[in-house]
Amino acid sequence: MKYDRQYYLLTEDSQSAPYMLSKSEKSDDGLLKLLSMRSIKRKVLGPGYVHITMGDDGNFKPCDYHEVLPAGLVSEKFKNILDSFQLPGVDFYPAYIENRGNIWKEHYLIHIWQNHRALHPKRSVYDGTYEDDRFILEKMSLNEEVLNKVPLHERLVFRLNEDPQYLYHESVVVALKAAGLTGVNFLNIQNWGPGSAFSTEEEEDDFYNNL
């Protein structure tokens, strides 16, 4: 279970959570492929457009992270931090946030297509059948036998092949935390489960204590 301590998911915080953002019909059709587990660079020919679908849009100000499906909408600042790791299988596509006649540029939809079939089939808890990926994941645990064979730089940020969950290694999380980004919390996968919305202050303290 050594890898369970090392990986985190991104969640929204109190600044970003009051708003629900989603891609609008103006977005390039290629961006419908953001769930793909291979590159879609040849399919995306234009930018994405994001609008507010829930929340008080009169008070809206963009954060560095918004939970736009499937893998998030991030600012230029956020993107630059990830770029510094030269992550394989992680691409960014320009997206404009539109609200009440205002347009915010320098934001990006993330496409994480680096993927590993890395769930531990016995320690993870799921409702359904693991073998054919027909299940609802309820608790995740990572498979050491799989990840031991993957060089660290190829698993710093990746998608679970079995389920659309996007995992960030603690070394990347340290850099993101140090940047003082807005709109984002980090949830250790040991504490993840249906209904887990955000990390607690205790988990924040544990994160630094365990480094």
N, C-alpha and C. Protein backbone atom coordinates (compact mmCIF):
# COMPACT_ATOMS: atom_id res chain seq x y z
N MET A 1 0.81 -1.21 0.00
CA MET A 1 0.00 0.00 0.00
C MET A 1 0.85 1.26 0.00
N LYS A 2 2.16 1.13 -0.31
CA LYS A 2 3.04 2.29 -0.20
C LYS A 2 2.64 3.42 -1.14
N TYR A 3 2.06 3.10 -2.28
CA TYR A 3 1.72 4.16 -3.23
C TYR A 3 0.45 4.90 -2.85
N ASP A 4 -0.38 4.30 -2.02
CA ASP A 4 -1.61 4.98 -1.61
C ASP A 4 -1.30 6.27 -0.87
N ARG A 5 -0.20 6.29 -0.13
CA ARG A 5 0.18 7.50 0.61
C ARG A 5 0.73 8.58 -0.31
N GLN A 6 1.18 8.20 -1.50
CA GLN A 6 1.90 9.12 -2.36
C GLN A 6 1.03 9.87 -3.37
N TYR A 7 -0.21 9.42 -3.55
CA TYR A 7 -1.01 9.98 -4.64
C TYR A 7 -2.24 10.72 -4.14
N TYR A 8 -2.56 11.78 -4.87
CA TYR A 8 -3.66 12.68 -4.52
C TYR A 8 -4.56 12.93 -5.72
N LEU A 9 -5.79 13.28 -5.42
CA LEU A 9 -6.73 13.78 -6.42
C LEU A 9 -6.96 15.26 -6.18
N LEU A 10 -7.31 15.98 -7.21
CA LEU A 10 -7.64 17.39 -7.07
C LEU A 10 -9.12 17.54 -6.78
N THR A 11 -9.44 18.44 -5.86
CA THR A 11 -10.83 18.79 -5.59
C THR A 11 -10.95 20.30 -5.52
N GLU A 12 -12.16 20.79 -5.63
CA GLU A 12 -12.38 22.23 -5.52
C GLU A 12 -12.38 22.66 -4.06
N ASP A 13 -12.05 23.94 -3.83
CA ASP A 13 -12.11 24.47 -2.47
C ASP A 13 -13.28 25.44 -2.35
N SER A 14 -13.32 26.20 -1.26
CA SER A 14 -14.46 27.08 -1.00
C SER A 14 -14.57 28.22 -1.99
N GLN A 15 -13.49 28.53 -2.72
CA GLN A 15 -13.56 29.59 -3.72
C GLN A 15 -14.15 29.12 -5.04
N SER A 16 -13.80 27.92 -5.44
CA SER A 16 -14.27 27.43 -6.74
C SER A 16 -15.55 26.61 -6.64
N ALA A 17 -15.77 25.94 -5.50
CA ALA A 17 -16.91 25.03 -5.38
C ALA A 17 -18.28 25.68 -5.55
N PRO A 18 -18.48 26.97 -5.19
CA PRO A 18 -19.82 27.56 -5.36
C PRO A 18 -20.27 27.67 -6.81
N TYR A 19 -19.37 27.43 -7.76
CA TYR A 19 -19.71 27.58 -9.17
C TYR A 19 -19.55 26.25 -9.90
N MET A 20 -20.49 25.98 -10.78
CA MET A 20 -20.35 24.83 -11.66
C MET A 20 -20.07 25.36 -13.06
N LEU A 21 -18.95 24.96 -13.64
CA LEU A 21 -18.57 25.38 -14.97
C LEU A 21 -18.60 24.18 -15.91
N SER A 22 -18.93 24.42 -17.16
CA SER A 22 -18.91 23.34 -18.14
C SER A 22 -18.61 23.91 -19.52
N LYS A 23 -18.18 23.05 -20.42
CA LYS A 23 -17.91 23.47 -21.79
C LYS A 23 -19.22 23.86 -22.47
N SER A 24 -19.16 24.89 -23.30
CA SER A 24 -20.33 25.30 -24.06
C SER A 24 -20.28 24.71 -25.46
N GLU A 25 -21.37 24.87 -26.20
CA GLU A 25 -21.45 24.33 -27.55
C GLU A 25 -20.49 25.00 -28.51
N LYS A 26 -19.94 26.14 -28.11
CA LYS A 26 -18.98 26.83 -28.97
C LYS A 26 -17.61 26.14 -28.98
N SER A 27 -17.39 25.22 -28.04
CA SER A 27 -16.10 24.56 -27.94
C SER A 27 -15.82 23.73 -29.18
N ASP A 28 -14.54 23.63 -29.51
CA ASP A 28 -14.12 22.79 -30.63
C ASP A 28 -14.59 21.36 -30.42
N ASP A 29 -15.08 20.75 -31.49
CA ASP A 29 -15.62 19.39 -31.39
C ASP A 29 -14.59 18.38 -30.92
N GLY A 30 -13.32 18.63 -31.21
CA GLY A 30 -12.28 17.70 -30.78
C GLY A 30 -12.18 17.57 -29.28
N LEU A 31 -12.65 18.59 -28.56
CA LEU A 31 -12.58 18.55 -27.10
C LEU A 31 -13.61 17.63 -26.48
N LEU A 32 -14.46 17.05 -27.31
CA LEU A 32 -15.36 16.00 -26.82
C LEU A 32 -14.59 14.73 -26.51
N LYS A 33 -13.33 14.66 -26.94
CA LYS A 33 -12.51 13.46 -26.79
C LYS A 33 -11.61 13.51 -25.55
N LEU A 34 -11.90 14.38 -24.59
CA LEU A 34 -11.00 14.55 -23.45
C LEU A 34 -10.93 13.33 -22.53
N LEU A 35 -11.83 12.37 -22.72
CA LEU A 35 -11.77 11.12 -21.97
C LEU A 35 -10.88 10.08 -22.65
N SER A 36 -10.42 10.40 -23.83
CA SER A 36 -9.61 9.45 -24.58
C SER A 36 -8.31 9.15 -23.86
N MET A 37 -7.85 7.90 -23.95
CA MET A 37 -6.58 7.51 -23.33
C MET A 37 -5.47 7.44 -24.38
N ARG A 38 -5.54 8.35 -25.34
CA ARG A 38 -4.48 8.56 -26.33
C ARG A 38 -4.52 10.03 -26.73
N SER A 39 -3.49 10.50 -27.40
CA SER A 39 -3.42 11.90 -27.78
C SER A 39 -4.57 12.28 -28.72
N ILE A 40 -5.09 13.51 -28.52
CA ILE A 40 -6.14 14.02 -29.41
C ILE A 40 -5.69 15.29 -30.13
N LYS A 41 -4.38 15.52 -30.17
CA LYS A 41 -3.87 16.76 -30.75
C LYS A 41 -4.34 16.97 -32.19
N ARG A 42 -4.43 15.91 -32.94
CA ARG A 42 -4.86 16.04 -34.34
C ARG A 42 -6.34 16.33 -34.48
N LYS A 43 -7.09 16.10 -33.42
CA LYS A 43 -8.54 16.29 -33.48
C LYS A 43 -8.98 17.66 -32.99
N VAL A 44 -8.15 18.33 -32.19
CA VAL A 44 -8.52 19.63 -31.63
C VAL A 44 -7.95 20.74 -32.52
N LEU A 45 -8.84 21.48 -33.15
CA LEU A 45 -8.43 22.51 -34.10
C LEU A 45 -8.70 23.93 -33.59
N GLY A 46 -9.42 24.05 -32.49
CA GLY A 46 -9.75 25.37 -31.97
C GLY A 46 -9.88 25.35 -30.46
N PRO A 47 -10.21 26.50 -29.86
CA PRO A 47 -10.26 26.59 -28.40
C PRO A 47 -11.55 26.03 -27.82
N GLY A 48 -11.52 25.86 -26.51
CA GLY A 48 -12.73 25.52 -25.78
C GLY A 48 -13.36 26.78 -25.20
N TYR A 49 -14.64 26.70 -24.94
CA TYR A 49 -15.36 27.80 -24.30
C TYR A 49 -16.09 27.23 -23.08
N VAL A 50 -15.96 27.92 -21.96
CA VAL A 50 -16.52 27.45 -20.70
C VAL A 50 -17.44 28.52 -20.15
N HIS A 51 -18.58 28.11 -19.64
CA HIS A 51 -19.51 29.07 -19.04
C HIS A 51 -20.02 28.54 -17.71
N ILE A 52 -20.62 29.43 -16.93
CA ILE A 52 -21.13 29.07 -15.61
C ILE A 52 -22.53 28.49 -15.76
N THR A 53 -22.75 27.32 -15.21
CA THR A 53 -24.06 26.69 -15.28
C THR A 53 -24.77 26.69 -13.93
N MET A 54 -24.05 27.03 -12.87
CA MET A 54 -24.67 27.10 -11.54
C MET A 54 -23.83 28.00 -10.65
N GLY A 55 -24.48 28.83 -9.85
CA GLY A 55 -23.77 29.73 -8.94
C GLY A 55 -24.09 31.17 -9.27
N ASP A 56 -23.75 32.06 -8.36
CA ASP A 56 -23.99 33.49 -8.52
C ASP A 56 -22.97 34.07 -9.49
N ASP A 57 -23.33 34.11 -10.78
CA ASP A 57 -22.35 34.54 -11.78
C ASP A 57 -21.99 36.01 -11.65
N GLY A 58 -22.78 36.78 -10.90
CA GLY A 58 -22.44 38.19 -10.70
C GLY A 58 -21.22 38.39 -9.83
N ASN A 59 -20.87 37.39 -9.02
CA ASN A 59 -19.70 37.48 -8.14
C ASN A 59 -18.53 36.62 -8.61
N PHE A 60 -18.65 36.05 -9.80
CA PHE A 60 -17.65 35.09 -10.26
C PHE A 60 -16.31 35.75 -10.60
N LYS A 61 -15.24 35.13 -10.11
CA LYS A 61 -13.88 35.45 -10.51
C LYS A 61 -13.16 34.13 -10.73
N PRO A 62 -12.44 33.99 -11.85
CA PRO A 62 -11.79 32.71 -12.13
C PRO A 62 -10.74 32.36 -11.07
N CYS A 63 -10.67 31.07 -10.76
CA CYS A 63 -9.62 30.53 -9.89
C CYS A 63 -8.57 29.84 -10.76
N ASP A 64 -7.51 29.39 -10.12
CA ASP A 64 -6.48 28.65 -10.84
C ASP A 64 -6.94 27.24 -11.20
N TYR A 65 -7.97 26.76 -10.51
CA TYR A 65 -8.49 25.42 -10.81
C TYR A 65 -10.00 25.44 -10.70
N HIS A 66 -10.64 24.85 -11.71
CA HIS A 66 -12.08 24.61 -11.66
C HIS A 66 -12.33 23.18 -12.12
N GLU A 67 -13.30 22.53 -11.49
CA GLU A 67 -13.58 21.13 -11.76
C GLU A 67 -14.48 21.02 -12.99
N VAL A 68 -13.89 21.21 -14.16
CA VAL A 68 -14.60 21.03 -15.42
C VAL A 68 -14.26 19.64 -15.93
N LEU A 69 -15.27 18.84 -16.21
CA LEU A 69 -15.05 17.46 -16.62
C LEU A 69 -14.32 17.37 -17.96
N PRO A 70 -13.44 16.34 -18.12
CA PRO A 70 -13.21 15.29 -17.12
C PRO A 70 -12.07 15.56 -16.15
N ALA A 71 -11.03 16.35 -16.57
CA ALA A 71 -9.82 16.44 -15.76
C ALA A 71 -9.52 17.84 -15.24
N GLY A 72 -10.38 18.81 -15.54
CA GLY A 72 -10.20 20.12 -14.94
C GLY A 72 -9.86 21.23 -15.91
N LEU A 73 -10.12 22.46 -15.46
CA LEU A 73 -9.75 23.68 -16.15
C LEU A 73 -8.75 24.42 -15.27
N VAL A 74 -7.59 24.78 -15.82
CA VAL A 74 -6.53 25.37 -15.01
C VAL A 74 -6.04 26.68 -15.62
N SER A 75 -5.42 27.49 -14.78
CA SER A 75 -4.86 28.76 -15.22
C SER A 75 -3.49 28.56 -15.85
N GLU A 76 -2.99 29.64 -16.43
CA GLU A 76 -1.63 29.62 -16.98
C GLU A 76 -0.62 29.31 -15.88
N LYS A 77 -0.83 29.86 -14.71
CA LYS A 77 0.07 29.62 -13.58
C LYS A 77 0.12 28.14 -13.22
N PHE A 78 -1.02 27.52 -13.16
CA PHE A 78 -1.12 26.09 -12.86
C PHE A 78 -0.43 25.28 -13.96
N LYS A 79 -0.74 25.62 -15.20
CA LYS A 79 -0.15 24.92 -16.35
C LYS A 79 1.37 24.99 -16.32
N ASN A 80 1.92 26.17 -16.01
CA ASN A 80 3.37 26.33 -16.02
C ASN A 80 4.05 25.42 -14.99
N ILE A 81 3.41 25.22 -13.86
CA ILE A 81 3.99 24.33 -12.84
C ILE A 81 4.03 22.91 -13.37
N LEU A 82 2.94 22.44 -13.97
CA LEU A 82 2.92 21.09 -14.52
C LEU A 82 3.91 20.97 -15.68
N ASP A 83 4.01 22.00 -16.50
CA ASP A 83 4.95 21.96 -17.62
C ASP A 83 6.39 21.78 -17.15
N SER A 84 6.69 22.30 -15.98
CA SER A 84 8.07 22.20 -15.47
C SER A 84 8.48 20.76 -15.19
N PHE A 85 7.50 19.86 -15.05
CA PHE A 85 7.80 18.45 -14.82
C PHE A 85 7.93 17.66 -16.12
N GLN A 86 7.64 18.31 -17.25
CA GLN A 86 7.72 17.66 -18.56
C GLN A 86 6.96 16.32 -18.55
N LEU A 87 5.72 16.41 -18.22
CA LEU A 87 4.88 15.23 -18.01
C LEU A 87 4.51 14.57 -19.34
N PRO A 88 4.80 13.29 -19.50
CA PRO A 88 4.36 12.60 -20.71
C PRO A 88 2.87 12.28 -20.62
N GLY A 89 2.19 12.41 -21.76
CA GLY A 89 0.78 12.07 -21.78
C GLY A 89 -0.13 13.03 -21.06
N VAL A 90 0.30 14.29 -20.92
CA VAL A 90 -0.53 15.34 -20.33
C VAL A 90 -0.49 16.54 -21.27
N ASP A 91 -1.65 16.89 -21.84
CA ASP A 91 -1.73 18.01 -22.79
C ASP A 91 -2.70 19.06 -22.29
N PHE A 92 -2.54 20.27 -22.83
CA PHE A 92 -3.37 21.40 -22.44
C PHE A 92 -3.95 22.05 -23.69
N TYR A 93 -5.23 22.42 -23.61
CA TYR A 93 -5.90 23.06 -24.73
C TYR A 93 -6.51 24.38 -24.27
N PRO A 94 -6.18 25.49 -24.97
CA PRO A 94 -6.69 26.80 -24.57
C PRO A 94 -8.21 26.80 -24.45
N ALA A 95 -8.69 27.45 -23.41
CA ALA A 95 -10.14 27.56 -23.18
C ALA A 95 -10.45 28.94 -22.64
N TYR A 96 -11.53 29.53 -23.11
CA TYR A 96 -11.95 30.85 -22.68
C TYR A 96 -13.15 30.72 -21.76
N ILE A 97 -13.09 31.41 -20.63
CA ILE A 97 -14.23 31.46 -19.71
C ILE A 97 -15.07 32.69 -20.07
N GLU A 98 -16.35 32.48 -20.33
CA GLU A 98 -17.26 33.57 -20.70
C GLU A 98 -18.32 33.74 -19.62
N ASN A 99 -18.53 34.99 -19.21
CA ASN A 99 -19.54 35.27 -18.19
C ASN A 99 -19.95 36.73 -18.27
N ARG A 100 -21.23 36.96 -18.52
CA ARG A 100 -21.80 38.32 -18.52
C ARG A 100 -21.00 39.28 -19.40
N GLY A 101 -20.61 38.84 -20.57
CA GLY A 101 -19.89 39.69 -21.51
C GLY A 101 -18.40 39.76 -21.26
N ASN A 102 -17.93 39.17 -20.16
CA ASN A 102 -16.50 39.13 -19.88
C ASN A 102 -15.90 37.85 -20.43
N ILE A 103 -14.66 37.93 -20.88
CA ILE A 103 -13.94 36.76 -21.38
C ILE A 103 -12.59 36.70 -20.69
N TRP A 104 -12.31 35.57 -20.06
CA TRP A 104 -11.00 35.35 -19.44
C TRP A 104 -10.25 34.32 -20.27
N LYS A 105 -9.11 34.72 -20.74
CA LYS A 105 -8.28 33.81 -21.52
C LYS A 105 -7.20 33.23 -20.60
N GLU A 106 -6.18 32.65 -21.18
CA GLU A 106 -5.07 32.05 -20.42
C GLU A 106 -5.55 31.00 -19.43
N HIS A 107 -6.54 30.24 -19.85
CA HIS A 107 -6.97 29.05 -19.11
C HIS A 107 -6.93 27.86 -20.06
N TYR A 108 -6.86 26.66 -19.47
CA TYR A 108 -6.65 25.47 -20.29
C TYR A 108 -7.45 24.29 -19.75
N LEU A 109 -8.03 23.54 -20.66
CA LEU A 109 -8.60 22.24 -20.32
C LEU A 109 -7.48 21.21 -20.36
N ILE A 110 -7.42 20.37 -19.33
CA ILE A 110 -6.36 19.36 -19.26
C ILE A 110 -6.84 18.07 -19.91
N HIS A 111 -5.95 17.48 -20.68
CA HIS A 111 -6.20 16.12 -21.19
C HIS A 111 -5.08 15.22 -20.66
N ILE A 112 -5.43 14.33 -19.75
CA ILE A 112 -4.46 13.40 -19.18
C ILE A 112 -4.69 12.04 -19.82
N TRP A 113 -3.82 11.69 -20.75
CA TRP A 113 -3.99 10.40 -21.44
C TRP A 113 -2.92 9.38 -21.06
N GLN A 114 -1.91 9.81 -20.28
CA GLN A 114 -1.00 8.83 -19.69
C GLN A 114 -1.82 8.00 -18.72
N ASN A 115 -1.85 6.67 -18.90
CA ASN A 115 -2.73 5.87 -18.06
C ASN A 115 -2.06 4.55 -17.69
N HIS A 116 -2.41 4.06 -16.53
CA HIS A 116 -1.89 2.78 -16.04
C HIS A 116 -3.03 2.01 -15.39
N ARG A 117 -3.05 0.71 -15.66
CA ARG A 117 -4.05 -0.15 -15.02
C ARG A 117 -3.52 -0.49 -13.63
N ALA A 118 -3.76 0.39 -12.70
CA ALA A 118 -3.01 0.39 -11.45
C ALA A 118 -3.85 0.17 -10.20
N LEU A 119 -5.12 -0.11 -10.33
CA LEU A 119 -5.90 -0.43 -9.14
C LEU A 119 -5.54 -1.82 -8.62
N HIS A 120 -5.44 -1.93 -7.30
CA HIS A 120 -5.25 -3.26 -6.71
C HIS A 120 -6.62 -3.94 -6.68
N PRO A 121 -6.79 -5.05 -7.38
CA PRO A 121 -8.13 -5.64 -7.51
C PRO A 121 -8.71 -6.20 -6.23
N LYS A 122 -7.89 -6.48 -5.23
CA LYS A 122 -8.39 -7.05 -3.98
C LYS A 122 -8.55 -5.99 -2.89
N ARG A 123 -7.63 -5.05 -2.81
CA ARG A 123 -7.74 -4.03 -1.75
C ARG A 123 -8.73 -2.93 -2.10
N SER A 124 -8.89 -2.65 -3.38
CA SER A 124 -9.88 -1.66 -3.78
C SER A 124 -11.28 -2.21 -3.54
N VAL A 125 -12.21 -1.28 -3.35
CA VAL A 125 -13.60 -1.67 -3.12
C VAL A 125 -14.43 -1.13 -4.28
N TYR A 126 -15.19 -2.02 -4.90
CA TYR A 126 -15.98 -1.59 -6.05
C TYR A 126 -17.28 -2.38 -6.10
N ASP A 127 -18.27 -1.73 -6.69
CA ASP A 127 -19.58 -2.36 -6.86
C ASP A 127 -19.72 -2.75 -8.32
N GLY A 128 -19.58 -4.04 -8.59
CA GLY A 128 -19.63 -4.51 -9.96
C GLY A 128 -18.53 -5.51 -10.23
N THR A 129 -18.12 -5.60 -11.49
CA THR A 129 -17.15 -6.59 -11.92
C THR A 129 -15.87 -5.91 -12.35
N TYR A 130 -14.76 -6.22 -11.64
CA TYR A 130 -13.48 -5.59 -11.95
C TYR A 130 -12.93 -6.04 -13.30
N GLU A 131 -13.07 -7.30 -13.63
CA GLU A 131 -12.40 -7.86 -14.79
C GLU A 131 -12.77 -7.15 -16.09
N ASP A 132 -14.02 -6.74 -16.25
CA ASP A 132 -14.41 -6.06 -17.48
C ASP A 132 -14.68 -4.57 -17.27
N ASP A 133 -14.18 -4.03 -16.14
CA ASP A 133 -14.29 -2.61 -15.83
C ASP A 133 -15.74 -2.13 -15.74
N ARG A 134 -16.64 -3.01 -15.37
CA ARG A 134 -18.03 -2.61 -15.19
C ARG A 134 -18.30 -2.51 -13.69
N PHE A 135 -17.91 -1.40 -13.12
CA PHE A 135 -18.06 -1.25 -11.68
C PHE A 135 -18.12 0.23 -11.31
N ILE A 136 -18.59 0.48 -10.11
CA ILE A 136 -18.53 1.81 -9.50
C ILE A 136 -17.48 1.73 -8.41
N LEU A 137 -16.44 2.54 -8.52
CA LEU A 137 -15.35 2.51 -7.56
C LEU A 137 -15.78 3.19 -6.27
N GLU A 138 -15.58 2.50 -5.14
CA GLU A 138 -15.96 3.04 -3.84
C GLU A 138 -14.76 3.35 -2.96
N LYS A 139 -13.68 2.63 -3.14
CA LYS A 139 -12.43 2.90 -2.42
C LYS A 139 -11.29 2.40 -3.28
N MET A 140 -10.24 3.21 -3.40
CA MET A 140 -9.14 2.81 -4.27
C MET A 140 -7.87 2.51 -3.49
N SER A 141 -7.15 1.53 -3.97
CA SER A 141 -5.82 1.20 -3.48
C SER A 141 -4.99 0.83 -4.70
N LEU A 142 -3.73 1.26 -4.72
CA LEU A 142 -2.90 1.09 -5.91
C LEU A 142 -2.05 -0.16 -5.83
N ASN A 143 -1.79 -0.73 -6.98
CA ASN A 143 -1.10 -2.01 -7.11
C ASN A 143 0.41 -1.79 -7.21
N GLU A 144 1.14 -2.20 -6.18
CA GLU A 144 2.59 -2.02 -6.17
C GLU A 144 3.28 -2.77 -7.31
N GLU A 145 2.79 -3.96 -7.63
CA GLU A 145 3.43 -4.76 -8.67
C GLU A 145 3.39 -4.06 -10.02
N VAL A 146 2.34 -3.30 -10.27
CA VAL A 146 2.23 -2.55 -11.51
C VAL A 146 3.12 -1.31 -11.48
N LEU A 147 2.96 -0.49 -10.45
CA LEU A 147 3.65 0.80 -10.43
C LEU A 147 5.15 0.67 -10.20
N ASN A 148 5.59 -0.41 -9.56
CA ASN A 148 7.03 -0.63 -9.41
C ASN A 148 7.74 -0.74 -10.75
N LYS A 149 7.02 -1.12 -11.77
CA LYS A 149 7.60 -1.31 -13.10
C LYS A 149 7.56 -0.04 -13.95
N VAL A 150 6.93 1.00 -13.44
CA VAL A 150 6.76 2.24 -14.20
C VAL A 150 7.72 3.29 -13.68
N PRO A 151 8.60 3.85 -14.52
CA PRO A 151 9.49 4.93 -14.07
C PRO A 151 8.69 6.09 -13.47
N LEU A 152 9.25 6.73 -12.46
CA LEU A 152 8.51 7.77 -11.75
C LEU A 152 8.00 8.86 -12.68
N HIS A 153 8.82 9.31 -13.65
CA HIS A 153 8.40 10.42 -14.49
C HIS A 153 7.20 10.06 -15.37
N GLU A 154 6.95 8.74 -15.54
CA GLU A 154 5.81 8.30 -16.33
C GLU A 154 4.55 8.11 -15.49
N ARG A 155 4.65 8.34 -14.20
CA ARG A 155 3.48 8.19 -13.33
C ARG A 155 3.36 9.36 -12.34
N LEU A 156 3.99 10.48 -12.67
CA LEU A 156 3.83 11.66 -11.81
C LEU A 156 2.39 12.15 -11.84
N VAL A 157 1.80 12.14 -13.02
CA VAL A 157 0.38 12.45 -13.19
C VAL A 157 -0.18 11.45 -14.18
N PHE A 158 -1.23 10.73 -13.80
CA PHE A 158 -1.78 9.76 -14.73
C PHE A 158 -3.24 9.49 -14.43
N ARG A 159 -3.89 8.89 -15.41
CA ARG A 159 -5.28 8.46 -15.25
C ARG A 159 -5.30 6.96 -14.97
N LEU A 160 -6.18 6.55 -14.05
CA LEU A 160 -6.40 5.13 -13.86
C LEU A 160 -7.06 4.57 -15.12
N ASN A 161 -6.47 3.54 -15.69
CA ASN A 161 -7.01 2.94 -16.90
C ASN A 161 -8.41 2.38 -16.67
N GLU A 162 -8.63 1.85 -15.46
CA GLU A 162 -9.90 1.19 -15.16
C GLU A 162 -11.03 2.18 -14.90
N ASP A 163 -10.71 3.41 -14.52
CA ASP A 163 -11.73 4.34 -14.04
C ASP A 163 -11.21 5.76 -14.24
N PRO A 164 -12.04 6.70 -14.69
CA PRO A 164 -11.55 8.06 -14.93
C PRO A 164 -11.26 8.85 -13.66
N GLN A 165 -10.21 8.45 -12.96
CA GLN A 165 -9.69 9.19 -11.81
C GLN A 165 -8.27 9.63 -12.17
N TYR A 166 -7.94 10.88 -11.83
CA TYR A 166 -6.67 11.46 -12.25
C TYR A 166 -5.79 11.69 -11.03
N LEU A 167 -4.64 11.02 -10.98
CA LEU A 167 -3.81 10.97 -9.79
C LEU A 167 -2.55 11.81 -9.96
N TYR A 168 -2.20 12.52 -8.89
CA TYR A 168 -1.04 13.40 -8.85
C TYR A 168 -0.08 12.91 -7.77
N HIS A 169 1.17 12.69 -8.16
CA HIS A 169 2.18 12.25 -7.21
C HIS A 169 2.49 13.36 -6.21
N GLU A 170 2.89 12.99 -5.01
CA GLU A 170 3.13 13.97 -3.95
C GLU A 170 4.17 15.01 -4.33
N SER A 171 5.15 14.66 -5.17
CA SER A 171 6.16 15.64 -5.57
C SER A 171 5.56 16.75 -6.41
N VAL A 172 4.58 16.41 -7.25
CA VAL A 172 3.88 17.42 -8.03
C VAL A 172 2.98 18.25 -7.13
N VAL A 173 2.33 17.60 -6.17
CA VAL A 173 1.45 18.30 -5.24
C VAL A 173 2.22 19.31 -4.40
N VAL A 174 3.44 18.95 -3.99
CA VAL A 174 4.27 19.89 -3.24
C VAL A 174 4.47 21.17 -4.03
N ALA A 175 4.80 21.04 -5.32
CA ALA A 175 5.03 22.22 -6.17
C ALA A 175 3.75 23.02 -6.35
N LEU A 176 2.63 22.36 -6.52
CA LEU A 176 1.37 23.07 -6.69
C LEU A 176 0.97 23.80 -5.41
N LYS A 177 1.17 23.15 -4.27
CA LYS A 177 0.86 23.79 -3.00
C LYS A 177 1.73 25.03 -2.76
N ALA A 178 3.01 24.91 -3.10
CA ALA A 178 3.95 26.01 -2.86
C ALA A 178 3.60 27.24 -3.68
N ALA A 179 2.87 27.06 -4.78
CA ALA A 179 2.56 28.18 -5.67
C ALA A 179 1.38 29.01 -5.18
N GLY A 180 0.70 28.56 -4.14
CA GLY A 180 -0.43 29.31 -3.61
C GLY A 180 -1.59 29.43 -4.58
N LEU A 181 -1.90 28.35 -5.26
CA LEU A 181 -2.97 28.36 -6.25
C LEU A 181 -4.33 28.52 -5.59
N THR A 182 -5.25 29.12 -6.30
CA THR A 182 -6.61 29.29 -5.79
C THR A 182 -7.53 28.24 -6.39
N GLY A 183 -8.55 27.88 -5.63
CA GLY A 183 -9.60 27.01 -6.15
C GLY A 183 -9.37 25.54 -6.00
N VAL A 184 -8.23 25.12 -5.42
CA VAL A 184 -7.90 23.70 -5.43
C VAL A 184 -7.51 23.19 -4.05
N ASN A 185 -7.98 21.99 -3.73
CA ASN A 185 -7.53 21.22 -2.59
C ASN A 185 -6.96 19.90 -3.10
N PHE A 186 -6.28 19.20 -2.22
CA PHE A 186 -5.64 17.94 -2.59
C PHE A 186 -6.10 16.86 -1.62
N LEU A 187 -6.68 15.80 -2.17
CA LEU A 187 -7.26 14.74 -1.38
C LEU A 187 -6.45 13.47 -1.57
N ASN A 188 -5.85 12.99 -0.48
CA ASN A 188 -5.09 11.74 -0.57
C ASN A 188 -6.04 10.60 -0.91
N ILE A 189 -5.59 9.68 -1.77
CA ILE A 189 -6.50 8.65 -2.24
C ILE A 189 -6.94 7.72 -1.11
N GLN A 190 -6.17 7.66 -0.01
CA GLN A 190 -6.59 6.84 1.13
C GLN A 190 -7.87 7.37 1.75
N ASN A 191 -8.14 8.66 1.58
CA ASN A 191 -9.31 9.30 2.18
C ASN A 191 -10.43 9.51 1.17
N TRP A 192 -10.20 9.06 -0.07
CA TRP A 192 -11.20 9.26 -1.11
C TRP A 192 -12.31 8.22 -1.00
N GLY A 193 -13.50 8.63 -1.39
CA GLY A 193 -14.62 7.71 -1.48
C GLY A 193 -15.83 8.47 -1.97
N PRO A 194 -16.91 7.80 -2.32
CA PRO A 194 -18.12 8.51 -2.74
C PRO A 194 -18.55 9.51 -1.67
N GLY A 195 -18.74 10.74 -2.08
CA GLY A 195 -19.16 11.77 -1.14
C GLY A 195 -18.01 12.56 -0.55
N SER A 196 -16.76 12.18 -0.82
CA SER A 196 -15.63 12.97 -0.29
C SER A 196 -15.46 14.19 -1.19
N ALA A 197 -15.71 15.35 -0.63
CA ALA A 197 -15.74 16.57 -1.44
C ALA A 197 -14.46 17.37 -1.35
N PHE A 198 -13.80 17.32 -0.20
CA PHE A 198 -12.61 18.15 -0.05
C PHE A 198 -11.75 17.60 1.07
N SER A 199 -10.47 17.97 1.02
CA SER A 199 -9.57 17.52 2.08
C SER A 199 -9.78 18.34 3.34
N THR A 200 -9.52 17.73 4.48
CA THR A 200 -9.69 18.41 5.76
C THR A 200 -8.40 19.10 6.17
N GLU A 201 -8.49 19.96 7.17
CA GLU A 201 -7.30 20.62 7.68
C GLU A 201 -6.34 19.59 8.26
N GLU A 202 -6.90 18.53 8.88
CA GLU A 202 -6.04 17.49 9.44
C GLU A 202 -5.23 16.81 8.34
N GLU A 203 -5.84 16.57 7.20
CA GLU A 203 -5.11 15.94 6.10
C GLU A 203 -4.03 16.87 5.58
N GLU A 204 -4.32 18.17 5.54
CA GLU A 204 -3.33 19.15 5.11
C GLU A 204 -2.10 19.06 6.02
N ASP A 205 -2.31 18.98 7.34
CA ASP A 205 -1.20 18.88 8.26
C ASP A 205 -0.45 17.56 8.07
N ASP A 206 -1.20 16.48 7.88
CA ASP A 206 -0.57 15.18 7.69
C ASP A 206 0.30 15.15 6.44
N PHE A 207 -0.14 15.84 5.42
CA PHE A 207 0.61 15.87 4.16
C PHE A 207 2.04 16.36 4.41
N TYR A 208 2.18 17.48 5.11
CA TYR A 208 3.50 18.04 5.33
C TYR A 208 4.28 17.22 6.36
N ASN A 209 3.59 16.67 7.35
CA ASN A 209 4.27 15.87 8.37
C ASN A 209 4.88 14.60 7.80
N ASN A 210 4.25 14.07 6.74
CA ASN A 210 4.70 12.80 6.17
C ASN A 210 5.77 12.96 5.09
N LEU A 211 6.09 14.19 4.70
CA LEU A 211 7.09 14.39 3.65
C LEU A 211 8.50 14.13 4.18
